[in-house]
């Protein structure tokens, strides 16, 4: 975690301009209903985040309704979806 305390709120938000591995993972967290990895860890205390070892992409996330999203080891955030991805700064 890159944050000083567990309850910090983002100071600003911008939209993704291009695809990166970080943007890919943000896309996956946001698709599952979370702001980012930090919020997921806050909400789902004690649940480990499954990641693909080769890419570091998120493999599986538990949604707030306790169902699961399973993700491919390949890129899932298409260029046409980049504008949807919110990048938060703390």
PDB file of N, CA and C in Angstrom:
ATOM      1  N   UNK A   1       0.831  -1.186   0.000  1.00  0.00           N
ATOM      2  CA  UNK A   1       0.000   0.000   0.000  1.00  0.00           C
ATOM      3  C   UNK A   1       0.870   1.242   0.000  1.00  0.00           C
ATOM      4  N   UNK A   2       0.466   2.205  -0.788  1.00  0.00           N
ATOM      5  CA  UNK A   2       1.258   3.414  -0.897  1.00  0.00           C
ATOM      6  C   UNK A   2       0.642   4.548  -0.096  1.00  0.00           C
ATOM      7  N   UNK A   3      -0.118   4.210   0.897  1.00  0.00           N
ATOM      8  CA  UNK A   3      -0.875   5.205   1.627  1.00  0.00           C
ATOM      9  C   UNK A   3      -0.456   5.205   3.092  1.00  0.00           C
ATOM     10  N   UNK A   4      -0.584   6.345   3.753  1.00  0.00           N
ATOM     11  CA  UNK A   4      -0.127   6.429   5.132  1.00  0.00           C
ATOM     12  C   UNK A   4      -1.086   5.772   6.114  1.00  0.00           C
ATOM     13  N   UNK A   5      -2.393   5.891   5.906  1.00  0.00           N
ATOM     14  CA  UNK A   5      -3.330   5.213   6.790  1.00  0.00           C
ATOM     15  C   UNK A   5      -4.449   4.568   5.977  1.00  0.00           C
ATOM     16  N   UNK A   6      -5.147   3.650   6.600  1.00  0.00           N
ATOM     17  CA  UNK A   6      -6.132   2.828   5.894  1.00  0.00           C
ATOM     18  C   UNK A   6      -7.384   3.570   5.456  1.00  0.00           C
ATOM     19  N   UNK A   7      -7.684   4.718   6.072  1.00  0.00           N
ATOM     20  CA  UNK A   7      -8.940   5.393   5.760  1.00  0.00           C
ATOM     21  C   UNK A   7      -8.763   6.637   4.914  1.00  0.00           C
ATOM     22  N   UNK A   8      -7.617   6.787   4.284  1.00  0.00           N
ATOM     23  CA  UNK A   8      -7.402   8.019   3.529  1.00  0.00           C
ATOM     24  C   UNK A   8      -8.237   8.031   2.256  1.00  0.00           C
ATOM     25  N   UNK A   9      -8.689   9.209   1.946  1.00  0.00           N
ATOM     26  CA  UNK A   9      -9.488   9.419   0.740  1.00  0.00           C
ATOM     27  C   UNK A   9      -8.575  10.008  -0.333  1.00  0.00           C
ATOM     28  N   UNK A  10      -8.899   9.753  -1.592  1.00  0.00           N
ATOM     29  CA  UNK A  10      -8.070  10.322  -2.657  1.00  0.00           C
ATOM     30  C   UNK A  10      -8.136  11.846  -2.655  1.00  0.00           C
ATOM     31  N   UNK A  11      -7.032  12.456  -2.996  1.00  0.00           N
ATOM     32  CA  UNK A  11      -6.968  13.918  -3.059  1.00  0.00           C
ATOM     33  C   UNK A  11      -7.407  14.428  -4.426  1.00  0.00           C
ATOM     34  N   UNK A  12      -7.198  13.614  -5.454  1.00  0.00           N
ATOM     35  CA  UNK A  12      -7.618  14.017  -6.792  1.00  0.00           C
ATOM     36  C   UNK A  12      -7.858  12.790  -7.659  1.00  0.00           C
ATOM     37  N   UNK A  13      -8.519  13.024  -8.777  1.00  0.00           N
ATOM     38  CA  UNK A  13      -8.826  11.946  -9.711  1.00  0.00           C
ATOM     39  C   UNK A  13      -8.607  12.454 -11.130  1.00  0.00           C
ATOM     40  N   UNK A  14      -8.027  11.601 -11.955  1.00  0.00           N
ATOM     41  CA  UNK A  14      -7.898  11.928 -13.376  1.00  0.00           C
ATOM     42  C   UNK A  14      -8.290  10.682 -14.159  1.00  0.00           C
ATOM     43  N   UNK A  15      -8.420  10.828 -15.440  1.00  0.00           N
ATOM     44  CA  UNK A  15      -8.762   9.692 -16.301  1.00  0.00           C
ATOM     45  C   UNK A  15      -7.483   9.144 -16.932  1.00  0.00           C
ATOM     46  N   UNK A  16      -7.492   7.843 -17.174  1.00  0.00           N
ATOM     47  CA  UNK A  16      -6.341   7.206 -17.821  1.00  0.00           C
ATOM     48  C   UNK A  16      -6.160   7.777 -19.220  1.00  0.00           C
ATOM     49  N   UNK A  17      -4.923   8.058 -19.582  1.00  0.00           N
ATOM     50  CA  UNK A  17      -4.623   8.611 -20.914  1.00  0.00           C
ATOM     51  C   UNK A  17      -4.109   7.533 -21.865  1.00  0.00           C
ATOM     52  N   UNK A  18      -3.508   6.502 -21.288  1.00  0.00           N
ATOM     53  CA  UNK A  18      -2.965   5.414 -22.093  1.00  0.00           C
ATOM     54  C   UNK A  18      -2.948   4.146 -21.272  1.00  0.00           C
ATOM     55  N   UNK A  19      -2.757   3.028 -21.928  1.00  0.00           N
ATOM     56  CA  UNK A  19      -2.784   1.750 -21.232  1.00  0.00           C
ATOM     57  C   UNK A  19      -1.445   1.466 -20.566  1.00  0.00           C
ATOM     58  N   UNK A  20      -1.489   1.046 -19.309  1.00  0.00           N
ATOM     59  CA  UNK A  20      -0.324   0.540 -18.590  1.00  0.00           C
ATOM     60  C   UNK A  20      -0.815  -0.629 -17.737  1.00  0.00           C
ATOM     61  N   UNK A  21       0.094  -1.360 -17.131  1.00  0.00           N
ATOM     62  CA  UNK A  21      -0.298  -2.458 -16.243  1.00  0.00           C
ATOM     63  C   UNK A  21      -1.090  -1.904 -15.053  1.00  0.00           C
ATOM     64  N   UNK A  22      -0.715  -0.728 -14.562  1.00  0.00           N
ATOM     65  CA  UNK A  22      -1.444  -0.107 -13.453  1.00  0.00           C
ATOM     66  C   UNK A  22      -2.881   0.219 -13.871  1.00  0.00           C
ATOM     67  N   UNK A  23      -3.050   0.773 -15.071  1.00  0.00           N
ATOM     68  CA  UNK A  23      -4.380   1.105 -15.581  1.00  0.00           C
ATOM     69  C   UNK A  23      -5.197  -0.181 -15.757  1.00  0.00           C
ATOM     70  N   UNK A  24      -4.565  -1.234 -16.228  1.00  0.00           N
ATOM     71  CA  UNK A  24      -5.249  -2.525 -16.386  1.00  0.00           C
ATOM     72  C   UNK A  24      -5.826  -2.997 -15.055  1.00  0.00           C
ATOM     73  N   UNK A  25      -5.014  -2.947 -13.998  1.00  0.00           N
ATOM     74  CA  UNK A  25      -5.501  -3.390 -12.691  1.00  0.00           C
ATOM     75  C   UNK A  25      -6.565  -2.455 -12.138  1.00  0.00           C
ATOM     76  N   UNK A  26      -6.428  -1.151 -12.346  1.00  0.00           N
ATOM     77  CA  UNK A  26      -7.475  -0.217 -11.925  1.00  0.00           C
ATOM     78  C   UNK A  26      -8.788  -0.540 -12.631  1.00  0.00           C
ATOM     79  N   UNK A  27      -8.718  -0.841 -13.919  1.00  0.00           N
ATOM     80  CA  UNK A  27      -9.903  -1.219 -14.693  1.00  0.00           C
ATOM     81  C   UNK A  27     -10.582  -2.416 -14.040  1.00  0.00           C
ATOM     82  N   UNK A  28      -9.810  -3.401 -13.639  1.00  0.00           N
ATOM     83  CA  UNK A  28     -10.360  -4.616 -13.030  1.00  0.00           C
ATOM     84  C   UNK A  28     -10.992  -4.324 -11.669  1.00  0.00           C
ATOM     85  N   UNK A  29     -10.329  -3.527 -10.840  1.00  0.00           N
ATOM     86  CA  UNK A  29     -10.910  -3.168  -9.548  1.00  0.00           C
ATOM     87  C   UNK A  29     -12.195  -2.373  -9.727  1.00  0.00           C
ATOM     88  N   UNK A  30     -12.189  -1.423 -10.659  1.00  0.00           N
ATOM     89  CA  UNK A  30     -13.363  -0.578 -10.866  1.00  0.00           C
ATOM     90  C   UNK A  30     -14.519  -1.368 -11.467  1.00  0.00           C
ATOM     91  N   UNK A  31     -14.221  -2.329 -12.305  1.00  0.00           N
ATOM     92  CA  UNK A  31     -15.265  -3.181 -12.862  1.00  0.00           C
ATOM     93  C   UNK A  31     -15.945  -3.994 -11.757  1.00  0.00           C
ATOM     94  N   UNK A  32     -15.176  -4.347 -10.734  1.00  0.00           N
ATOM     95  CA  UNK A  32     -15.710  -5.125  -9.609  1.00  0.00           C
ATOM     96  C   UNK A  32     -16.368  -4.230  -8.549  1.00  0.00           C
ATOM     97  N   UNK A  33     -16.327  -2.907  -8.750  1.00  0.00           N
ATOM     98  CA  UNK A  33     -17.027  -2.000  -7.853  1.00  0.00           C
ATOM     99  C   UNK A  33     -16.177  -1.316  -6.799  1.00  0.00           C
ATOM    100  N   UNK A  34     -14.867  -1.299  -7.005  1.00  0.00           N
ATOM    101  CA  UNK A  34     -13.962  -0.663  -6.053  1.00  0.00           C
ATOM    102  C   UNK A  34     -13.195   0.445  -6.747  1.00  0.00           C
ATOM    103  N   UNK A  35     -12.751   1.418  -5.962  1.00  0.00           N
ATOM    104  CA  UNK A  35     -11.968   2.535  -6.511  1.00  0.00           C
ATOM    105  C   UNK A  35     -10.613   2.037  -6.996  1.00  0.00           C
ATOM    106  N   UNK A  36      -9.950   1.236  -6.141  1.00  0.00           N
ATOM    107  CA  UNK A  36      -8.603   0.754  -6.451  1.00  0.00           C
ATOM    108  C   UNK A  36      -8.236  -0.343  -5.456  1.00  0.00           C
ATOM    109  N   UNK A  37      -7.010  -0.801  -5.507  1.00  0.00           N
ATOM    110  CA  UNK A  37      -6.557  -1.888  -4.633  1.00  0.00           C
ATOM    111  C   UNK A  37      -6.660  -1.498  -3.157  1.00  0.00           C
ATOM    112  N   UNK A  38      -6.385  -0.235  -2.864  1.00  0.00           N
ATOM    113  CA  UNK A  38      -6.432   0.229  -1.482  1.00  0.00           C
ATOM    114  C   UNK A  38      -7.840   0.099  -0.902  1.00  0.00           C
ATOM    115  N   UNK A  39      -8.845   0.510  -1.661  1.00  0.00           N
ATOM    116  CA  UNK A  39     -10.226   0.400  -1.187  1.00  0.00           C
ATOM    117  C   UNK A  39     -10.630  -1.070  -1.051  1.00  0.00           C
ATOM    118  N   UNK A  40     -10.205  -1.905  -1.982  1.00  0.00           N
ATOM    119  CA  UNK A  40     -10.515  -3.338  -1.923  1.00  0.00           C
ATOM    120  C   UNK A  40      -9.976  -3.936  -0.624  1.00  0.00           C
ATOM    121  N   UNK A  41      -8.738  -3.600  -0.286  1.00  0.00           N
ATOM    122  CA  UNK A  41      -8.108  -4.120   0.933  1.00  0.00           C
ATOM    123  C   UNK A  41      -8.863  -3.620   2.170  1.00  0.00           C
ATOM    124  N   UNK A  42      -9.303  -2.368   2.140  1.00  0.00           N
ATOM    125  CA  UNK A  42     -10.074  -1.804   3.246  1.00  0.00           C
ATOM    126  C   UNK A  42     -11.392  -2.543   3.444  1.00  0.00           C
ATOM    127  N   UNK A  43     -12.120  -2.764   2.355  1.00  0.00           N
ATOM    128  CA  UNK A  43     -13.442  -3.382   2.426  1.00  0.00           C
ATOM    129  C   UNK A  43     -13.352  -4.879   2.697  1.00  0.00           C
ATOM    130  N   UNK A  44     -12.460  -5.552   2.018  1.00  0.00           N
ATOM    131  CA  UNK A  44     -12.336  -7.013   2.111  1.00  0.00           C
ATOM    132  C   UNK A  44     -11.159  -7.382   2.998  1.00  0.00           C
ATOM    133  N   UNK A  45     -11.175  -6.937   4.227  1.00  0.00           N
ATOM    134  CA  UNK A  45     -10.044  -7.152   5.136  1.00  0.00           C
ATOM    135  C   UNK A  45      -9.692  -8.623   5.226  1.00  0.00           C
ATOM    136  N   UNK A  46      -8.420  -8.915   5.048  1.00  0.00           N
ATOM    137  CA  UNK A  46      -7.942 -10.279   5.175  1.00  0.00           C
ATOM    138  C   UNK A  46      -8.029 -11.111   3.914  1.00  0.00           C
ATOM    139  N   UNK A  47      -8.673 -10.591   2.881  1.00  0.00           N
ATOM    140  CA  UNK A  47      -8.760 -11.347   1.629  1.00  0.00           C
ATOM    141  C   UNK A  47      -7.555 -10.997   0.761  1.00  0.00           C
ATOM    142  N   UNK A  48      -6.821 -12.010   0.361  1.00  0.00           N
ATOM    143  CA  UNK A  48      -5.656 -11.786  -0.488  1.00  0.00           C
ATOM    144  C   UNK A  48      -6.098 -11.554  -1.923  1.00  0.00           C
ATOM    145  N   UNK A  49      -5.319 -10.770  -2.638  1.00  0.00           N
ATOM    146  CA  UNK A  49      -5.639 -10.473  -4.033  1.00  0.00           C
ATOM    147  C   UNK A  49      -4.863 -11.435  -4.911  1.00  0.00           C
ATOM    148  N   UNK A  50      -5.600 -12.254  -5.655  1.00  0.00           N
ATOM    149  CA  UNK A  50      -4.991 -13.201  -6.597  1.00  0.00           C
ATOM    150  C   UNK A  50      -4.478 -12.442  -7.809  1.00  0.00           C
ATOM    151  N   UNK A  51      -3.205 -12.648  -8.147  1.00  0.00           N
ATOM    152  CA  UNK A  51      -2.646 -11.999  -9.344  1.00  0.00           C
ATOM    153  C   UNK A  51      -1.950 -13.039 -10.203  1.00  0.00           C
ATOM    154  N   UNK A  52      -1.961 -12.801 -11.510  1.00  0.00           N
ATOM    155  CA  UNK A  52      -1.231 -13.671 -12.430  1.00  0.00           C
ATOM    156  C   UNK A  52       0.256 -13.450 -12.201  1.00  0.00           C
ATOM    157  N   UNK A  53       1.033 -14.505 -11.958  1.00  0.00           N
ATOM    158  CA  UNK A  53       2.461 -14.320 -11.650  1.00  0.00           C
ATOM    159  C   UNK A  53       3.262 -13.688 -12.789  1.00  0.00           C
ATOM    160  N   UNK A  54       2.922 -14.008 -14.039  1.00  0.00           N
ATOM    161  CA  UNK A  54       3.709 -13.500 -15.179  1.00  0.00           C
ATOM    162  C   UNK A  54       3.520 -12.000 -15.371  1.00  0.00           C
ATOM    163  N   UNK A  55       2.265 -11.539 -15.259  1.00  0.00           N
ATOM    164  CA  UNK A  55       1.970 -10.147 -15.603  1.00  0.00           C
ATOM    165  C   UNK A  55       1.738  -9.263 -14.384  1.00  0.00           C
ATOM    166  N   UNK A  56       1.346  -9.861 -13.274  1.00  0.00           N
ATOM    167  CA  UNK A  56       0.975  -9.061 -12.104  1.00  0.00           C
ATOM    168  C   UNK A  56      -0.447  -8.538 -12.189  1.00  0.00           C
ATOM    169  N   UNK A  57      -1.178  -8.896 -13.262  1.00  0.00           N
ATOM    170  CA  UNK A  57      -2.570  -8.476 -13.397  1.00  0.00           C
ATOM    171  C   UNK A  57      -3.424  -9.201 -12.370  1.00  0.00           C
ATOM    172  N   UNK A  58      -4.476  -8.533 -11.906  1.00  0.00           N
ATOM    173  CA  UNK A  58      -5.409  -9.140 -10.975  1.00  0.00           C
ATOM    174  C   UNK A  58      -6.098 -10.319 -11.664  1.00  0.00           C
ATOM    175  N   UNK A  59      -6.169 -11.438 -10.948  1.00  0.00           N
ATOM    176  CA  UNK A  59      -6.732 -12.678 -11.486  1.00  0.00           C
ATOM    177  C   UNK A  59      -8.187 -12.870 -11.067  1.00  0.00           C
ATOM    178  N   UNK A  60      -8.494 -12.539  -9.791  1.00  0.00           N
ATOM    179  CA  UNK A  60      -9.830 -12.780  -9.257  1.00  0.00           C
ATOM    180  C   UNK A  60     -10.138 -11.730  -8.208  1.00  0.00           C
ATOM    181  N   UNK A  61     -11.364 -11.182  -8.234  1.00  0.00           N
ATOM    182  CA  UNK A  61     -11.800 -10.226  -7.222  1.00  0.00           C
ATOM    183  C   UNK A  61     -13.179 -10.607  -6.707  1.00  0.00           C
ATOM    184  N   UNK A  62     -13.383 -10.390  -5.418  1.00  0.00           N
ATOM    185  CA  UNK A  62     -14.694 -10.623  -4.827  1.00  0.00           C
ATOM    186  C   UNK A  62     -15.440  -9.300  -4.810  1.00  0.00           C
ATOM    187  N   UNK A  63     -16.616  -9.293  -5.421  1.00  0.00           N
ATOM    188  CA  UNK A  63     -17.420  -8.077  -5.451  1.00  0.00           C
ATOM    189  C   UNK A  63     -18.059  -7.839  -4.088  1.00  0.00           C
ATOM    190  N   UNK A  64     -18.700  -6.699  -3.936  1.00  0.00           N
ATOM    191  CA  UNK A  64     -19.345  -6.361  -2.662  1.00  0.00           C
ATOM    192  C   UNK A  64     -20.506  -7.301  -2.354  1.00  0.00           C
ATOM    193  N   UNK A  65     -21.123  -7.877  -3.373  1.00  0.00           N
ATOM    194  CA  UNK A  65     -22.229  -8.826  -3.142  1.00  0.00           C
ATOM    195  C   UNK A  65     -21.715 -10.264  -2.982  1.00  0.00           C
ATOM    196  N   UNK A  66     -20.400 -10.390  -2.816  1.00  0.00           N
ATOM    197  CA  UNK A  66     -19.718 -11.669  -2.572  1.00  0.00           C
ATOM    198  C   UNK A  66     -19.682 -12.624  -3.762  1.00  0.00           C
ATOM    199  N   UNK A  67     -20.062 -12.148  -4.941  1.00  0.00           N
ATOM    200  CA  UNK A  67     -19.810 -12.942  -6.143  1.00  0.00           C
ATOM    201  C   UNK A  67     -18.398 -12.605  -6.615  1.00  0.00           C
ATOM    202  N   UNK A  68     -17.894 -13.368  -7.556  1.00  0.00           N
ATOM    203  CA  UNK A  68     -16.512 -13.186  -7.991  1.00  0.00           C
ATOM    204  C   UNK A  68     -16.423 -12.794  -9.454  1.00  0.00           C
ATOM    205  N   UNK A  69     -15.412 -12.001  -9.752  1.00  0.00           N
ATOM    206  CA  UNK A  69     -15.007 -11.722 -11.130  1.00  0.00           C
ATOM    207  C   UNK A  69     -13.694 -12.462 -11.356  1.00  0.00           C
ATOM    208  N   UNK A  70     -13.607 -13.146 -12.482  1.00  0.00           N
ATOM    209  CA  UNK A  70     -12.376 -13.833 -12.856  1.00  0.00           C
ATOM    210  C   UNK A  70     -11.835 -13.163 -14.116  1.00  0.00           C
ATOM    211  N   UNK A  71     -10.548 -12.882 -14.126  1.00  0.00           N
ATOM    212  CA  UNK A  71      -9.936 -12.146 -15.228  1.00  0.00           C
ATOM    213  C   UNK A  71      -8.888 -12.981 -15.945  1.00  0.00           C
ATOM    214  N   UNK A  72      -8.742 -12.686 -17.203  1.00  0.00           N
ATOM    215  CA  UNK A  72      -7.768 -13.349 -18.060  1.00  0.00           C
ATOM    216  C   UNK A  72      -6.354 -12.902 -17.712  1.00  0.00           C
ATOM    217  N   UNK A  73      -5.386 -13.703 -18.125  1.00  0.00           N
ATOM    218  CA  UNK A  73      -3.991 -13.289 -17.930  1.00  0.00           C
ATOM    219  C   UNK A  73      -3.589 -12.252 -18.969  1.00  0.00           C
ATOM    220  N   UNK A  74      -4.422 -12.045 -19.975  1.00  0.00           N
ATOM    221  CA  UNK A  74      -4.142 -11.060 -21.021  1.00  0.00           C
ATOM    222  C   UNK A  74      -4.871  -9.749 -20.728  1.00  0.00           C
ATOM    223  N   UNK A  75      -4.499  -8.733 -21.440  1.00  0.00           N
ATOM    224  CA  UNK A  75      -5.124  -7.414 -21.304  1.00  0.00           C
ATOM    225  C   UNK A  75      -6.630  -7.509 -21.538  1.00  0.00           C
ATOM    226  N   UNK A  76      -7.415  -6.884 -20.655  1.00  0.00           N
ATOM    227  CA  UNK A  76      -8.866  -6.848 -20.818  1.00  0.00           C
ATOM    228  C   UNK A  76      -9.382  -5.434 -21.038  1.00  0.00           C
ATOM    229  N   UNK A  77      -8.604  -4.432 -20.643  1.00  0.00           N
ATOM    230  CA  UNK A  77      -9.016  -3.039 -20.811  1.00  0.00           C
ATOM    231  C   UNK A  77      -8.657  -2.597 -22.226  1.00  0.00           C
ATOM    232  N   UNK A  78      -9.662  -2.572 -23.088  1.00  0.00           N
ATOM    233  CA  UNK A  78      -9.438  -2.162 -24.477  1.00  0.00           C
ATOM    234  C   UNK A  78      -9.217  -0.644 -24.552  1.00  0.00           C
ATOM    235  N   UNK A  79      -8.596  -0.201 -25.619  1.00  0.00           N
ATOM    236  CA  UNK A  79      -8.370   1.243 -25.806  1.00  0.00           C
ATOM    237  C   UNK A  79      -9.683   2.019 -25.705  1.00  0.00           C
ATOM    238  N   UNK A  80     -10.766   1.435 -26.209  1.00  0.00           N
ATOM    239  CA  UNK A  80     -12.053   2.140 -26.189  1.00  0.00           C
ATOM    240  C   UNK A  80     -12.606   2.304 -24.770  1.00  0.00           C
ATOM    241  N   UNK A  81     -12.062   1.547 -23.800  1.00  0.00           N
ATOM    242  CA  UNK A  81     -12.523   1.634 -22.408  1.00  0.00           C
ATOM    243  C   UNK A  81     -11.618   2.483 -21.524  1.00  0.00           C
ATOM    244  N   UNK A  82     -10.506   2.972 -22.073  1.00  0.00           N
ATOM    245  CA  UNK A  82      -9.541   3.728 -21.259  1.00  0.00           C
ATOM    246  C   UNK A  82     -10.169   4.936 -20.579  1.00  0.00           C
ATOM    247  N   UNK A  83     -11.068   5.641 -21.270  1.00  0.00           N
ATOM    248  CA  UNK A  83     -11.661   6.856 -20.698  1.00  0.00           C
ATOM    249  C   UNK A  83     -12.471   6.556 -19.445  1.00  0.00           C
ATOM    250  N   UNK A  84     -12.890   5.314 -19.245  1.00  0.00           N
ATOM    251  CA  UNK A  84     -13.680   4.944 -18.066  1.00  0.00           C
ATOM    252  C   UNK A  84     -12.819   4.796 -16.815  1.00  0.00           C
ATOM    253  N   UNK A  85     -11.517   4.552 -16.997  1.00  0.00           N
ATOM    254  CA  UNK A  85     -10.666   4.238 -15.863  1.00  0.00           C
ATOM    255  C   UNK A  85     -10.272   5.506 -15.114  1.00  0.00           C
ATOM    256  N   UNK A  86     -10.579   5.506 -13.815  1.00  0.00           N
ATOM    257  CA  UNK A  86     -10.244   6.640 -12.966  1.00  0.00           C
ATOM    258  C   UNK A  86      -8.941   6.327 -12.222  1.00  0.00           C
ATOM    259  N   UNK A  87      -8.011   7.292 -12.273  1.00  0.00           N
ATOM    260  CA  UNK A  87      -6.725   7.148 -11.595  1.00  0.00           C
ATOM    261  C   UNK A  87      -6.730   8.126 -10.425  1.00  0.00           C
ATOM    262  N   UNK A  88      -6.635   7.582  -9.215  1.00  0.00           N
ATOM    263  CA  UNK A  88      -6.706   8.412  -8.014  1.00  0.00           C
ATOM    264  C   UNK A  88      -5.312   8.712  -7.471  1.00  0.00           C
ATOM    265  N   UNK A  89      -5.168   9.932  -6.947  1.00  0.00           N
ATOM    266  CA  UNK A  89      -3.918  10.329  -6.303  1.00  0.00           C
ATOM    267  C   UNK A  89      -4.205  10.566  -4.831  1.00  0.00           C
ATOM    268  N   UNK A  90      -3.316  10.082  -3.977  1.00  0.00           N
ATOM    269  CA  UNK A  90      -3.508  10.203  -2.520  1.00  0.00           C
ATOM    270  C   UNK A  90      -2.537  11.188  -1.918  1.00  0.00           C
TER     271      UNK A  90
END
